[in-house]
Amino acid sequence: MSSNHTNSEYVQLMDAIYERYHKALDGYEFDFENEIEPFLEENKDLASNILNFETDARFHDGTREKASDELMELLMACHTSGFRERHFYEKYKFINLWLKHAKEEGLM
């Protein structure tokens, strides 16, 4: 898989997470079997795939693992308005920062 293709998948995923979280904030209640579970199944491999990215002086093993874990957390948390906005945006920014770094440095 090319890095551009991989990057576009991550961009699409982050957009979907953002949209789902705002939908939840607006009061939408996601159905687990029909909406949440399929979304998790479809996208959990992208979160796990971060563990396969190359590393560099800034994007080291610990950062790579944290980015993967935080993306997995957002995959689940984006479906509930109970997840604090501040935490959502902190995690969202963290993941986007490292995805951008990985793309620019050819680590994907």
N, C-alpha and C. Protein backbone atom coordinates (compact mmCIF):
# COMPACT_ATOMS: atom_id res chain seq x y z
N MET A 1 0.84 -1.17 0.00
CA MET A 1 0.00 0.00 0.00
C MET A 1 0.89 1.23 0.00
N SER A 2 0.60 2.19 -0.85
CA SER A 2 1.43 3.40 -0.92
C SER A 2 1.14 4.31 0.25
N SER A 3 2.13 5.16 0.58
CA SER A 3 1.95 6.06 1.71
C SER A 3 0.82 7.05 1.45
N ASN A 4 0.64 7.49 0.19
CA ASN A 4 -0.44 8.41 -0.11
C ASN A 4 -1.80 7.76 0.13
N HIS A 5 -1.94 6.52 -0.32
CA HIS A 5 -3.19 5.79 -0.09
C HIS A 5 -3.43 5.64 1.40
N THR A 6 -2.41 5.25 2.15
CA THR A 6 -2.54 5.09 3.59
C THR A 6 -2.91 6.42 4.24
N ASN A 7 -2.24 7.49 3.82
CA ASN A 7 -2.53 8.79 4.40
C ASN A 7 -3.98 9.18 4.13
N SER A 8 -4.47 8.94 2.93
CA SER A 8 -5.85 9.32 2.63
C SER A 8 -6.84 8.52 3.47
N GLU A 9 -6.52 7.27 3.77
CA GLU A 9 -7.38 6.48 4.64
C GLU A 9 -7.43 7.08 6.04
N TYR A 10 -6.29 7.53 6.53
CA TYR A 10 -6.26 8.15 7.86
C TYR A 10 -7.00 9.48 7.87
N VAL A 11 -6.87 10.26 6.82
CA VAL A 11 -7.58 11.54 6.73
C VAL A 11 -9.08 11.29 6.73
N GLN A 12 -9.53 10.32 5.95
CA GLN A 12 -10.95 9.97 5.91
C GLN A 12 -11.44 9.48 7.27
N LEU A 13 -10.63 8.68 7.94
CA LEU A 13 -11.02 8.17 9.25
C LEU A 13 -11.13 9.31 10.26
N MET A 14 -10.16 10.20 10.28
CA MET A 14 -10.21 11.31 11.24
C MET A 14 -11.41 12.20 10.96
N ASP A 15 -11.75 12.41 9.69
CA ASP A 15 -12.95 13.17 9.34
C ASP A 15 -14.21 12.47 9.85
N ALA A 16 -14.27 11.16 9.69
CA ALA A 16 -15.44 10.39 10.14
C ALA A 16 -15.56 10.44 11.66
N ILE A 17 -14.44 10.34 12.36
CA ILE A 17 -14.46 10.43 13.83
C ILE A 17 -14.98 11.80 14.26
N TYR A 18 -14.50 12.84 13.64
CA TYR A 18 -14.93 14.21 13.96
C TYR A 18 -16.44 14.36 13.72
N GLU A 19 -16.91 13.89 12.57
CA GLU A 19 -18.33 13.99 12.24
C GLU A 19 -19.19 13.20 13.22
N ARG A 20 -18.77 12.00 13.56
CA ARG A 20 -19.54 11.18 14.49
C ARG A 20 -19.59 11.81 15.88
N TYR A 21 -18.49 12.37 16.32
CA TYR A 21 -18.48 12.99 17.64
C TYR A 21 -19.43 14.19 17.68
N HIS A 22 -19.42 15.00 16.65
CA HIS A 22 -20.31 16.15 16.62
C HIS A 22 -21.78 15.74 16.48
N LYS A 23 -22.00 14.66 15.80
CA LYS A 23 -23.36 14.12 15.71
C LYS A 23 -23.83 13.67 17.10
N ALA A 24 -22.94 13.03 17.86
CA ALA A 24 -23.28 12.61 19.22
C ALA A 24 -23.52 13.83 20.12
N LEU A 25 -22.70 14.86 19.96
CA LEU A 25 -22.89 16.09 20.75
C LEU A 25 -24.23 16.74 20.45
N ASP A 26 -24.71 16.59 19.21
CA ASP A 26 -26.00 17.15 18.82
C ASP A 26 -27.17 16.30 19.29
N GLY A 27 -26.88 15.19 19.99
CA GLY A 27 -27.94 14.39 20.59
C GLY A 27 -28.24 13.08 19.89
N TYR A 28 -27.55 12.80 18.80
CA TYR A 28 -27.79 11.54 18.10
C TYR A 28 -27.30 10.37 18.95
N GLU A 29 -28.10 9.32 19.03
CA GLU A 29 -27.71 8.12 19.76
C GLU A 29 -27.43 7.01 18.74
N PHE A 30 -26.16 6.60 18.70
CA PHE A 30 -25.73 5.57 17.76
C PHE A 30 -26.19 4.20 18.24
N ASP A 31 -26.61 3.37 17.30
CA ASP A 31 -26.97 1.99 17.58
C ASP A 31 -25.70 1.15 17.56
N PHE A 32 -25.46 0.39 18.61
CA PHE A 32 -24.21 -0.37 18.71
C PHE A 32 -24.06 -1.38 17.58
N GLU A 33 -25.07 -2.22 17.40
CA GLU A 33 -24.96 -3.31 16.42
C GLU A 33 -24.89 -2.82 14.97
N ASN A 34 -25.63 -1.77 14.67
CA ASN A 34 -25.73 -1.32 13.28
C ASN A 34 -24.77 -0.20 12.91
N GLU A 35 -24.26 0.55 13.89
CA GLU A 35 -23.42 1.70 13.57
C GLU A 35 -22.04 1.65 14.24
N ILE A 36 -22.01 1.39 15.53
CA ILE A 36 -20.74 1.45 16.26
C ILE A 36 -19.86 0.24 15.96
N GLU A 37 -20.42 -0.95 16.13
CA GLU A 37 -19.64 -2.16 15.93
C GLU A 37 -19.06 -2.27 14.51
N PRO A 38 -19.85 -2.01 13.46
CA PRO A 38 -19.27 -2.06 12.11
C PRO A 38 -18.17 -1.01 11.90
N PHE A 39 -18.34 0.18 12.48
CA PHE A 39 -17.34 1.24 12.37
C PHE A 39 -16.03 0.80 13.04
N LEU A 40 -16.13 0.20 14.21
CA LEU A 40 -14.94 -0.29 14.92
C LEU A 40 -14.26 -1.40 14.12
N GLU A 41 -15.03 -2.35 13.65
CA GLU A 41 -14.47 -3.47 12.88
C GLU A 41 -13.77 -2.99 11.61
N GLU A 42 -14.38 -2.01 10.96
CA GLU A 42 -13.85 -1.50 9.71
C GLU A 42 -12.55 -0.71 9.91
N ASN A 43 -12.39 -0.08 11.08
CA ASN A 43 -11.29 0.87 11.25
C ASN A 43 -10.24 0.51 12.30
N LYS A 44 -10.46 -0.53 13.07
CA LYS A 44 -9.49 -0.85 14.12
C LYS A 44 -8.12 -1.24 13.56
N ASP A 45 -8.11 -1.79 12.34
CA ASP A 45 -6.83 -2.15 11.73
C ASP A 45 -5.97 -0.92 11.42
N LEU A 46 -6.62 0.21 11.08
CA LEU A 46 -5.85 1.44 10.85
C LEU A 46 -5.18 1.90 12.14
N ALA A 47 -5.88 1.78 13.27
CA ALA A 47 -5.28 2.15 14.55
C ALA A 47 -4.10 1.23 14.86
N SER A 48 -4.29 -0.05 14.66
CA SER A 48 -3.22 -1.01 14.93
C SER A 48 -2.05 -0.85 13.96
N ASN A 49 -2.35 -0.45 12.73
CA ASN A 49 -1.31 -0.30 11.72
C ASN A 49 -0.29 0.78 12.08
N ILE A 50 -0.67 1.73 12.90
CA ILE A 50 0.29 2.77 13.33
C ILE A 50 1.50 2.11 13.99
N LEU A 51 1.29 0.99 14.64
CA LEU A 51 2.40 0.27 15.30
C LEU A 51 3.42 -0.25 14.29
N ASN A 52 3.05 -0.28 13.01
CA ASN A 52 3.96 -0.73 11.96
C ASN A 52 4.71 0.41 11.28
N PHE A 53 4.38 1.64 11.64
CA PHE A 53 5.08 2.79 11.06
C PHE A 53 6.55 2.74 11.48
N GLU A 54 7.42 3.25 10.62
CA GLU A 54 8.83 3.41 10.99
C GLU A 54 8.92 4.46 12.09
N THR A 55 10.05 4.51 12.76
CA THR A 55 10.25 5.51 13.81
C THR A 55 11.40 6.44 13.42
N ASP A 56 11.47 7.56 14.10
CA ASP A 56 12.60 8.47 13.96
C ASP A 56 12.87 9.09 15.33
N ALA A 57 13.71 10.10 15.38
CA ALA A 57 14.10 10.69 16.67
C ALA A 57 12.90 11.27 17.42
N ARG A 58 11.91 11.78 16.69
CA ARG A 58 10.74 12.37 17.33
C ARG A 58 9.60 11.38 17.49
N PHE A 59 9.37 10.57 16.47
CA PHE A 59 8.28 9.59 16.48
C PHE A 59 8.88 8.24 16.88
N HIS A 60 9.06 8.08 18.17
CA HIS A 60 9.70 6.87 18.68
C HIS A 60 8.65 5.84 19.11
N ASP A 61 9.12 4.72 19.63
CA ASP A 61 8.20 3.61 19.98
C ASP A 61 7.08 4.05 20.91
N GLY A 62 7.41 4.82 21.94
CA GLY A 62 6.39 5.25 22.90
C GLY A 62 5.33 6.13 22.27
N THR A 63 5.75 7.04 21.43
CA THR A 63 4.82 7.94 20.74
C THR A 63 3.96 7.15 19.75
N ARG A 64 4.58 6.24 19.05
CA ARG A 64 3.86 5.40 18.09
C ARG A 64 2.77 4.60 18.80
N GLU A 65 3.11 4.01 19.93
CA GLU A 65 2.14 3.22 20.69
C GLU A 65 1.01 4.10 21.23
N LYS A 66 1.37 5.28 21.73
CA LYS A 66 0.34 6.19 22.26
C LYS A 66 -0.60 6.65 21.15
N ALA A 67 -0.07 6.96 19.98
CA ALA A 67 -0.91 7.38 18.86
C ALA A 67 -1.90 6.27 18.49
N SER A 68 -1.43 5.04 18.45
CA SER A 68 -2.30 3.91 18.14
C SER A 68 -3.38 3.75 19.21
N ASP A 69 -2.99 3.79 20.47
CA ASP A 69 -3.95 3.65 21.57
C ASP A 69 -4.99 4.76 21.57
N GLU A 70 -4.54 5.98 21.33
CA GLU A 70 -5.46 7.11 21.37
C GLU A 70 -6.42 7.08 20.18
N LEU A 71 -5.96 6.62 19.03
CA LEU A 71 -6.86 6.48 17.91
C LEU A 71 -7.90 5.41 18.20
N MET A 72 -7.49 4.31 18.80
CA MET A 72 -8.44 3.26 19.16
C MET A 72 -9.48 3.81 20.15
N GLU A 73 -9.02 4.62 21.11
CA GLU A 73 -9.95 5.21 22.07
C GLU A 73 -10.95 6.13 21.37
N LEU A 74 -10.49 6.94 20.44
CA LEU A 74 -11.40 7.85 19.72
C LEU A 74 -12.39 7.09 18.85
N LEU A 75 -11.96 5.93 18.32
CA LEU A 75 -12.88 5.12 17.52
C LEU A 75 -14.11 4.74 18.34
N MET A 76 -13.91 4.53 19.62
CA MET A 76 -15.03 4.17 20.48
C MET A 76 -15.73 5.40 21.05
N ALA A 77 -14.94 6.36 21.53
CA ALA A 77 -15.49 7.51 22.24
C ALA A 77 -16.25 8.49 21.35
N CYS A 78 -16.00 8.48 20.06
CA CYS A 78 -16.65 9.45 19.18
C CYS A 78 -18.16 9.23 19.07
N HIS A 79 -18.65 8.16 19.64
CA HIS A 79 -20.07 7.84 19.54
C HIS A 79 -20.88 8.30 20.74
N THR A 80 -20.25 8.98 21.69
CA THR A 80 -20.97 9.40 22.88
C THR A 80 -20.70 10.86 23.21
N SER A 81 -21.74 11.55 23.61
CA SER A 81 -21.57 12.95 24.01
C SER A 81 -20.96 13.04 25.40
N GLY A 82 -20.87 11.92 26.10
CA GLY A 82 -20.30 11.90 27.44
C GLY A 82 -18.79 12.04 27.47
N PHE A 83 -18.16 11.89 26.32
CA PHE A 83 -16.71 12.05 26.24
C PHE A 83 -16.42 13.55 26.19
N ARG A 84 -15.66 14.03 27.16
CA ARG A 84 -15.43 15.47 27.29
C ARG A 84 -14.78 16.05 26.04
N GLU A 85 -15.30 17.20 25.63
CA GLU A 85 -14.80 17.86 24.42
C GLU A 85 -13.31 18.15 24.50
N ARG A 86 -12.86 18.63 25.65
CA ARG A 86 -11.45 18.95 25.80
C ARG A 86 -10.59 17.73 25.55
N HIS A 87 -10.98 16.58 26.09
CA HIS A 87 -10.22 15.35 25.88
C HIS A 87 -10.28 14.91 24.42
N PHE A 88 -11.46 15.05 23.83
CA PHE A 88 -11.60 14.68 22.42
C PHE A 88 -10.61 15.49 21.57
N TYR A 89 -10.63 16.80 21.75
CA TYR A 89 -9.78 17.65 20.91
C TYR A 89 -8.30 17.46 21.19
N GLU A 90 -7.93 17.18 22.43
CA GLU A 90 -6.52 16.90 22.74
C GLU A 90 -6.05 15.65 22.01
N LYS A 91 -6.84 14.61 22.08
CA LYS A 91 -6.48 13.34 21.43
C LYS A 91 -6.53 13.49 19.91
N TYR A 92 -7.53 14.18 19.42
CA TYR A 92 -7.68 14.40 17.99
C TYR A 92 -6.47 15.16 17.43
N LYS A 93 -6.06 16.22 18.10
CA LYS A 93 -4.89 17.00 17.67
C LYS A 93 -3.61 16.18 17.74
N PHE A 94 -3.45 15.41 18.82
CA PHE A 94 -2.26 14.58 19.00
C PHE A 94 -2.12 13.59 17.85
N ILE A 95 -3.19 12.90 17.53
CA ILE A 95 -3.16 11.90 16.46
C ILE A 95 -2.87 12.58 15.12
N ASN A 96 -3.56 13.66 14.84
CA ASN A 96 -3.34 14.36 13.56
C ASN A 96 -1.91 14.86 13.44
N LEU A 97 -1.34 15.37 14.53
CA LEU A 97 0.05 15.84 14.51
C LEU A 97 1.00 14.74 14.09
N TRP A 98 0.84 13.55 14.70
CA TRP A 98 1.77 12.46 14.40
C TRP A 98 1.50 11.80 13.06
N LEU A 99 0.24 11.79 12.62
CA LEU A 99 -0.04 11.28 11.28
C LEU A 99 0.59 12.19 10.23
N LYS A 100 0.50 13.50 10.45
CA LYS A 100 1.13 14.45 9.53
C LYS A 100 2.65 14.27 9.53
N HIS A 101 3.24 14.12 10.71
CA HIS A 101 4.68 13.92 10.82
C HIS A 101 5.10 12.63 10.09
N ALA A 102 4.36 11.55 10.33
CA ALA A 102 4.69 10.26 9.70
C ALA A 102 4.62 10.37 8.17
N LYS A 103 3.62 11.08 7.67
CA LYS A 103 3.50 11.26 6.22
C LYS A 103 4.67 12.09 5.69
N GLU A 104 4.94 13.22 6.32
CA GLU A 104 6.00 14.11 5.83
C GLU A 104 7.38 13.46 5.89
N GLU A 105 7.61 12.61 6.87
CA GLU A 105 8.92 11.98 7.04
C GLU A 105 9.01 10.62 6.36
N GLY A 106 7.94 10.19 5.70
CA GLY A 106 7.96 8.91 4.99
C GLY A 106 7.97 7.71 5.92
N LEU A 107 7.33 7.83 7.08
CA LEU A 107 7.34 6.75 8.08
C LEU A 107 6.17 5.79 7.91
N MET A 108 5.18 6.18 7.13
CA MET A 108 3.98 5.32 6.95
C MET A 108 4.32 4.13 6.06
